Protein backbone atom coordinates (compact mmCIF):
# COMPACT_ATOMS: atom_id res chain seq x y z
CA UNK A 1 -16.06 -56.12 188.32
CA UNK A 2 -14.02 -57.26 185.48
CA UNK A 3 -10.36 -57.25 185.40
CA UNK A 4 -8.45 -54.64 183.76
CA UNK A 5 -5.74 -55.89 181.30
CA UNK A 6 -2.21 -54.68 181.52
CA UNK A 7 -1.18 -51.97 178.94
CA UNK A 8 0.36 -54.54 176.54
CA UNK A 9 -2.91 -56.38 176.45
CA UNK A 10 -4.75 -53.00 175.95
CA UNK A 11 -2.44 -51.95 173.12
CA UNK A 12 -2.78 -55.42 171.43
CA UNK A 13 -6.65 -54.95 171.54
CA UNK A 14 -6.49 -51.23 170.17
CA UNK A 15 -4.21 -52.54 167.24
CA UNK A 16 -6.70 -55.17 166.40
CA UNK A 17 -9.48 -52.63 166.39
CA UNK A 18 -7.58 -50.55 164.06
CA UNK A 19 -6.68 -53.41 161.77
CA UNK A 20 -10.38 -54.35 161.60
CA UNK A 21 -11.11 -50.70 160.83
CA UNK A 22 -8.80 -50.73 158.01
CA UNK A 23 -10.70 -53.76 156.60
CA UNK A 24 -14.10 -51.69 156.83
CA UNK A 25 -15.44 -53.47 159.94
CA UNK A 26 -16.81 -50.87 162.55
CA UNK A 27 -19.39 -52.96 164.60
CA UNK A 28 -18.58 -54.90 167.71
CA UNK A 29 -20.22 -56.84 170.25
CA UNK A 30 -19.47 -57.87 173.47
CA UNK A 31 -20.10 -61.51 174.72
CA UNK A 32 -21.03 -61.91 178.55
CA UNK A 33 -18.18 -62.87 180.84
CA UNK A 34 -18.83 -66.29 182.20
CA UNK A 35 -17.32 -67.13 185.58
CA UNK A 36 -15.12 -69.88 184.34
CA UNK A 37 -13.63 -67.75 181.72
CA UNK A 38 -10.63 -66.01 182.48
CA UNK A 39 -10.48 -62.11 181.79
CA UNK A 40 -7.62 -62.56 179.40
CA UNK A 41 -9.74 -64.82 177.11
CA UNK A 42 -12.42 -62.02 176.51
CA UNK A 43 -11.81 -60.52 173.27
CA UNK A 44 -13.40 -57.20 173.97
CA UNK A 45 -14.18 -56.38 177.63
CA UNK A 46 -16.23 -53.25 178.48
CA UNK A 47 -13.41 -51.53 180.13
CA UNK A 48 -11.44 -51.75 176.81
CA UNK A 49 -14.53 -50.73 174.57
CA UNK A 50 -15.23 -47.72 176.84
CA UNK A 51 -11.48 -46.56 177.27
CA UNK A 52 -10.34 -43.67 175.62
CA UNK A 53 -7.24 -45.37 174.29
CA UNK A 54 -9.39 -47.14 171.77
CA UNK A 55 -9.04 -45.47 168.22
CA UNK A 56 -12.42 -43.87 167.50
CA UNK A 57 -11.25 -41.40 164.72
CA UNK A 58 -10.79 -43.74 162.00
CA UNK A 59 -12.42 -42.80 158.71
CA UNK A 60 -14.86 -44.90 157.03
CA UNK A 61 -14.01 -46.52 153.73
CA UNK A 62 -14.35 -44.20 150.81
CA UNK A 63 -17.22 -46.30 149.42
CA UNK A 64 -19.20 -46.17 152.45
CA UNK A 65 -18.77 -42.39 152.85
CA UNK A 66 -19.84 -41.93 149.23
CA UNK A 67 -22.77 -44.03 149.35
CA UNK A 68 -23.92 -42.07 152.51
CA UNK A 69 -23.42 -38.78 150.76
CA UNK A 70 -25.32 -40.20 147.76
CA UNK A 71 -28.15 -41.37 149.81
CA UNK A 72 -28.29 -37.87 151.70
CA UNK A 73 -28.27 -35.86 148.51
CA UNK A 74 -30.88 -38.07 146.82
CA UNK A 75 -33.21 -37.39 149.75
CA UNK A 76 -32.32 -33.59 149.63
CA UNK A 77 -33.08 -33.42 145.94
CA UNK A 78 -36.32 -35.36 146.42
CA UNK A 79 -37.17 -32.57 149.10
CA UNK A 80 -36.47 -30.00 146.36
CA UNK A 81 -38.64 -31.52 144.08
CA UNK A 82 -41.48 -31.79 146.73
CA UNK A 83 -41.33 -28.24 147.32
CA UNK A 84 -41.74 -27.36 143.62
CA UNK A 85 -44.74 -29.65 143.54
CA UNK A 86 -47.08 -29.12 140.53
CA UNK A 87 -45.78 -25.44 140.16
CA UNK A 88 -47.89 -22.54 139.16
CA UNK A 89 -45.65 -19.95 140.22
CA UNK A 90 -45.40 -18.38 136.65
CA UNK A 91 -47.13 -17.98 133.70
CA UNK A 92 -45.70 -21.35 132.06
CA UNK A 93 -47.90 -23.47 134.11
CA UNK A 94 -50.93 -22.18 132.15
CA UNK A 95 -49.09 -22.17 128.67
CA UNK A 96 -49.12 -25.84 127.67
CA UNK A 97 -46.44 -27.62 129.61
CA UNK A 98 -47.23 -31.31 130.55
CA UNK A 99 -44.93 -31.73 133.67
CA UNK A 100 -42.12 -30.43 135.71
CA UNK A 101 -38.53 -31.42 134.21
CA UNK A 102 -36.53 -31.40 137.41
CA UNK A 103 -33.01 -32.89 136.69
CA UNK A 104 -31.18 -36.01 136.36
CA UNK A 105 -28.06 -37.80 136.96
CA UNK A 106 -25.49 -38.73 139.87
CA UNK A 107 -26.01 -36.55 142.96
CA UNK A 108 -22.51 -36.90 143.71
CA UNK A 109 -21.43 -35.70 140.36
CA UNK A 110 -18.17 -33.45 140.04
CA UNK A 111 -19.46 -31.98 136.71
CA UNK A 112 -22.79 -30.44 136.13
CA UNK A 113 -24.49 -29.19 132.76
CA UNK A 114 -27.06 -26.32 132.92
CA UNK A 115 -29.01 -25.28 129.92
CA UNK A 116 -32.05 -22.95 129.77
CA UNK A 117 -35.13 -25.06 129.54
CA UNK A 118 -36.83 -28.34 128.40
CA UNK A 119 -38.14 -28.92 124.93
CA UNK A 120 -41.05 -30.97 123.57
CA UNK A 121 -39.25 -34.33 123.89
CA UNK A 122 -38.19 -33.42 127.46
CA UNK A 123 -41.73 -32.16 128.39
CA UNK A 124 -43.22 -35.52 127.36
CA UNK A 125 -40.79 -37.60 129.35
CA UNK A 126 -39.97 -35.50 132.08
CA UNK A 127 -36.20 -35.64 131.67
CA UNK A 128 -33.83 -33.16 130.39
CA UNK A 129 -31.94 -33.56 127.04
CA UNK A 130 -33.79 -36.65 125.66
CA UNK A 131 -34.41 -35.35 122.05
CA UNK A 132 -31.83 -34.80 119.25
CA UNK A 133 -29.98 -32.25 121.49
CA UNK A 134 -29.69 -34.72 124.31
CA UNK A 135 -28.25 -37.47 121.93
CA UNK A 136 -25.51 -34.91 121.19
CA UNK A 137 -24.96 -33.98 124.55
CA UNK A 138 -24.58 -37.55 125.48
CA UNK A 139 -21.99 -38.01 122.81
CA UNK A 140 -20.20 -34.74 124.11
CA UNK A 141 -20.12 -36.28 127.60
CA UNK A 142 -18.94 -39.67 126.21
CA UNK A 143 -16.02 -37.70 124.45
CA UNK A 144 -14.92 -36.53 127.88
CA UNK A 145 -14.62 -40.18 128.80
CA UNK A 146 -17.91 -40.01 131.15
CA UNK A 147 -21.29 -41.26 130.86
CA UNK A 148 -24.60 -39.56 131.72
CA UNK A 149 -24.63 -41.39 134.84
CA UNK A 150 -21.57 -39.56 136.06
CA UNK A 151 -22.80 -36.28 135.57
CA UNK A 152 -25.87 -34.16 136.59
CA UNK A 153 -27.99 -32.44 133.87
CA UNK A 154 -30.56 -29.60 134.71
CA UNK A 155 -31.99 -26.34 133.23
CA UNK A 156 -32.57 -22.83 134.56
CA UNK A 157 -36.33 -23.27 134.19
CA UNK A 158 -38.17 -26.61 134.63
CA UNK A 159 -41.16 -26.08 132.46
CA UNK A 160 -41.23 -25.85 128.56
CA UNK A 161 -41.96 -22.50 127.05
CA UNK A 162 -44.66 -22.37 124.41
CA UNK A 163 -43.08 -23.24 121.17
CA UNK A 164 -39.47 -23.60 122.83
CA UNK A 165 -39.33 -19.71 122.89
CA UNK A 166 -36.42 -18.18 124.88
CA UNK A 167 -37.46 -18.01 128.54
CA UNK A 168 -38.35 -14.58 130.06
CA UNK A 169 -36.27 -12.79 132.45
CA UNK A 170 -39.14 -12.92 135.21
CA UNK A 171 -39.70 -17.04 134.52
CA UNK A 172 -35.97 -17.48 135.18
CA UNK A 173 -36.03 -15.33 138.36
CA UNK A 174 -39.00 -17.36 139.49
CA UNK A 175 -37.55 -20.81 138.75
CA UNK A 176 -33.83 -20.33 139.18
CA UNK A 177 -33.82 -20.61 143.06
CA UNK A 178 -34.95 -24.18 142.70
CA UNK A 179 -31.78 -24.79 140.59
CA UNK A 180 -29.44 -22.90 143.14
CA UNK A 181 -30.62 -25.35 145.50
CA UNK A 182 -29.97 -28.38 143.51
CA UNK A 183 -26.27 -26.86 142.88
CA UNK A 184 -26.06 -26.34 146.55
CA UNK A 185 -26.87 -30.10 147.31
CA UNK A 186 -24.68 -31.69 144.52
CA UNK A 187 -21.78 -29.47 145.20
CA UNK A 188 -20.03 -30.16 141.85
CA UNK A 189 -16.51 -29.34 141.21
CA UNK A 190 -17.38 -27.74 137.92
CA UNK A 191 -20.39 -26.33 135.92
CA UNK A 192 -20.74 -26.11 132.31
CA UNK A 193 -23.42 -23.38 131.20
CA UNK A 194 -24.92 -24.63 127.85
CA UNK A 195 -25.90 -21.51 125.73
CA UNK A 196 -26.40 -17.96 126.16
CA UNK A 197 -29.40 -17.82 128.26
CA UNK A 198 -27.93 -20.31 130.85
CA UNK A 199 -24.69 -18.40 130.85
CA UNK A 200 -26.05 -14.95 131.42
CA UNK A 201 -28.80 -16.09 133.92
CA UNK A 202 -26.18 -17.76 136.08
CA UNK A 203 -23.39 -15.13 135.75
CA UNK A 204 -25.83 -12.02 135.70
CA UNK A 205 -24.17 -10.56 132.63
CA UNK A 206 -25.18 -9.45 129.08
CA UNK A 207 -22.38 -10.62 126.86
CA UNK A 208 -22.22 -12.43 123.58
CA UNK A 209 -20.99 -15.99 123.60
CA UNK A 210 -17.73 -14.97 122.00
CA UNK A 211 -16.94 -13.02 125.08
CA UNK A 212 -18.12 -15.46 127.65
CA UNK A 213 -16.47 -18.83 126.35
CA UNK A 214 -12.79 -19.90 126.85
CA UNK A 215 -12.48 -19.04 130.54
CA UNK A 216 -13.32 -19.84 134.04
CA UNK A 217 -15.76 -18.02 136.29
CA UNK A 218 -16.44 -18.10 140.13
CA UNK A 219 -20.10 -19.10 140.69
CA UNK A 220 -21.04 -19.00 144.51
CA UNK A 221 -17.50 -20.95 145.16
CA UNK A 222 -17.70 -23.41 141.99
CA UNK A 223 -16.06 -23.02 138.84
CA UNK A 224 -18.04 -22.35 135.86
CA UNK A 225 -17.40 -22.49 132.08
CA UNK A 226 -19.62 -21.40 129.05
CA UNK A 227 -20.05 -23.32 125.91
CA UNK A 228 -22.70 -23.63 122.85
CA UNK A 229 -25.94 -25.31 123.55
CA UNK A 230 -26.09 -28.79 121.84
CA UNK A 231 -29.34 -27.61 119.90
CA UNK A 232 -27.16 -24.52 118.39
CA UNK A 233 -24.62 -27.13 117.23
CA UNK A 234 -27.36 -28.91 115.48
CA UNK A 235 -27.81 -25.94 113.74
CA UNK A 236 -24.19 -24.72 113.26
CA UNK A 237 -21.89 -27.85 113.24
CA UNK A 238 -18.87 -25.74 112.53
CA UNK A 239 -19.04 -24.68 116.12
CA UNK A 240 -18.35 -28.29 117.25
CA UNK A 241 -14.51 -27.63 117.22
CA UNK A 242 -15.05 -24.44 119.51
CA UNK A 243 -17.15 -26.58 122.00
CA UNK A 244 -14.68 -29.08 122.02
CA UNK A 245 -11.91 -26.76 123.23
CA UNK A 246 -14.29 -25.83 125.93
CA UNK A 247 -14.85 -29.16 127.02
CA UNK A 248 -10.99 -29.93 127.00
CA UNK A 249 -10.54 -27.06 129.43
CA UNK A 250 -13.11 -28.50 131.79
CA UNK A 251 -11.38 -31.91 131.28
CA UNK A 252 -8.07 -30.67 132.22
CA UNK A 253 -9.34 -29.03 135.45
CA UNK A 254 -11.04 -32.31 136.59
CA UNK A 255 -7.99 -34.15 136.00
CA UNK A 256 -9.47 -36.11 133.10
CA UNK A 257 -7.26 -37.42 130.23
CA UNK A 258 -7.62 -35.24 127.17
CA UNK A 259 -7.44 -36.92 123.85
CA UNK A 260 -6.46 -34.80 120.97
CA UNK A 261 -9.89 -35.21 118.97
CA UNK A 262 -13.22 -36.44 120.60
CA UNK A 263 -14.46 -39.86 120.36
CA UNK A 264 -16.79 -40.45 117.17
């Protein structure tokens, strides 16, 4: 039976383990004790590794925790996508859609943008916001000091309506449960609803944009703000200033620096 070190040695070993934990080292191994080797020369005997005095509640480094969470969330998002499959749950599957447009971005995102539905470019590429409206949304995100890789982007429904028409209520009700699961996995600190359809569907209200904008809503424990859809801004650029006000409100809440004017 190995000799149990005295309390001072035990404390020294515990302090050393704490030091290695601070460096991000958590895995240790035990070398076999040779008969000619004194117990005091053994770095980590079993009596110490198994002792309750060894610190075991050390938090893992933030990078390691973030990596693990991202991997878990990516896996959970893949499961949701698999559950959707080649969806035929509503009429849109028979009205010309080419593919499911699931969502894209950082699974650990603090900020999530949600619009109403994919358009022709998105249906072609299978990714939300890749056309002209997508370019504008990318510029909006850059103006906030972020990149598309920092946020998550999704839609209420995941199939393109024919002719880019407004999604019907039953289509939103059929598809939105998958979006709710995406939100639950990502757990963003803030959601920005882009456009009236997204806002009214998420908030279950029927009000004009003028009443919906400029304030926070509680959406299942997550803060939600409403602003104009980028496609609308392409048609009416005068509303870009109002949209910037909405984004500034979001930036302040997320602790992002807020310049007076958006980047060009």
